Protein backbone atom coordinates (compact mmCIF):
# COMPACT_ATOMS: atom_id res chain seq x y z
CA UNK A 1 39.99 114.06 102.88
CA UNK A 2 41.46 110.56 102.67
CA UNK A 3 41.15 110.91 98.79
CA UNK A 4 43.28 114.05 98.94
CA UNK A 5 45.69 112.01 100.86
CA UNK A 6 45.68 109.21 98.29
CA UNK A 7 45.83 111.62 95.10
CA UNK A 8 48.84 113.32 96.53
CA UNK A 9 50.01 109.69 97.39
CA UNK A 10 49.75 108.48 94.01
CA UNK A 11 50.61 111.41 91.82
CA UNK A 12 52.89 113.68 93.90
CA UNK A 13 54.41 115.33 90.94
CA UNK A 14 51.55 116.10 88.90
CA UNK A 15 50.20 117.64 92.23
CA UNK A 16 53.58 119.61 92.55
CA UNK A 17 53.05 120.83 89.08
CA UNK A 18 49.44 121.81 89.71
CA UNK A 19 50.10 123.83 92.95
CA UNK A 20 53.17 125.77 91.03
CA UNK A 21 50.97 126.86 88.14
CA UNK A 22 48.00 127.61 90.46
CA UNK A 23 50.73 129.96 92.53
CA UNK A 24 51.89 131.57 89.36
CA UNK A 25 48.27 132.47 87.88
CA UNK A 26 47.57 134.04 91.62
CA UNK A 27 50.79 135.90 91.48
CA UNK A 28 50.11 137.19 87.95
CA UNK A 29 46.85 138.09 88.78
CA UNK A 30 47.32 140.12 91.75
CA UNK A 31 50.65 141.69 90.57
CA UNK A 32 50.56 143.54 87.13
CA UNK A 33 54.24 143.92 86.93
CA UNK A 34 54.54 140.32 85.81
CA UNK A 35 53.86 139.57 82.37
CA UNK A 36 51.34 137.45 81.64
CA UNK A 37 52.52 135.61 78.49
CA UNK A 38 55.49 134.64 80.83
CA UNK A 39 53.10 133.29 83.23
CA UNK A 40 51.09 131.54 80.63
CA UNK A 41 54.68 129.67 79.38
CA UNK A 42 55.54 128.81 82.52
CA UNK A 43 52.43 127.22 83.65
CA UNK A 44 51.83 124.88 80.72
CA UNK A 45 55.75 124.34 80.72
CA UNK A 46 55.33 123.18 84.50
CA UNK A 47 52.23 121.40 83.93
CA UNK A 48 54.07 119.35 80.64
CA UNK A 49 57.13 118.38 82.56
CA UNK A 50 54.91 117.54 85.64
CA UNK A 51 52.98 114.98 83.88
CA UNK A 52 55.81 113.58 82.10
CA UNK A 53 57.84 113.19 85.33
CA UNK A 54 54.69 111.46 86.79
CA UNK A 55 54.66 109.12 83.82
CA UNK A 56 58.11 108.24 84.09
CA UNK A 57 57.68 107.53 88.12
CA UNK A 58 54.71 105.48 87.60
CA UNK A 59 56.43 103.40 84.71
CA UNK A 60 59.40 102.75 87.14
CA UNK A 61 56.84 101.73 89.99
CA UNK A 62 55.13 99.23 87.33
CA UNK A 63 58.55 97.82 86.57
CA UNK A 64 59.50 97.31 89.96
CA UNK A 65 56.16 95.43 91.15
CA UNK A 66 56.86 92.81 88.30
């Protein structure tokens, strides 16, 4: 449990991107009305933007520590 808390504390944007992507994939699997192509596009864009935002935050944190 401690490792999970550390992960969430150190990488909140990445975790949020993964959680939102997982929700979209589960909803797409459960509901046949949702276009799977749109879901895949959303998931990939969410993960990409989450990764980019986390890297920006990491750079700001590293700069503040110097």
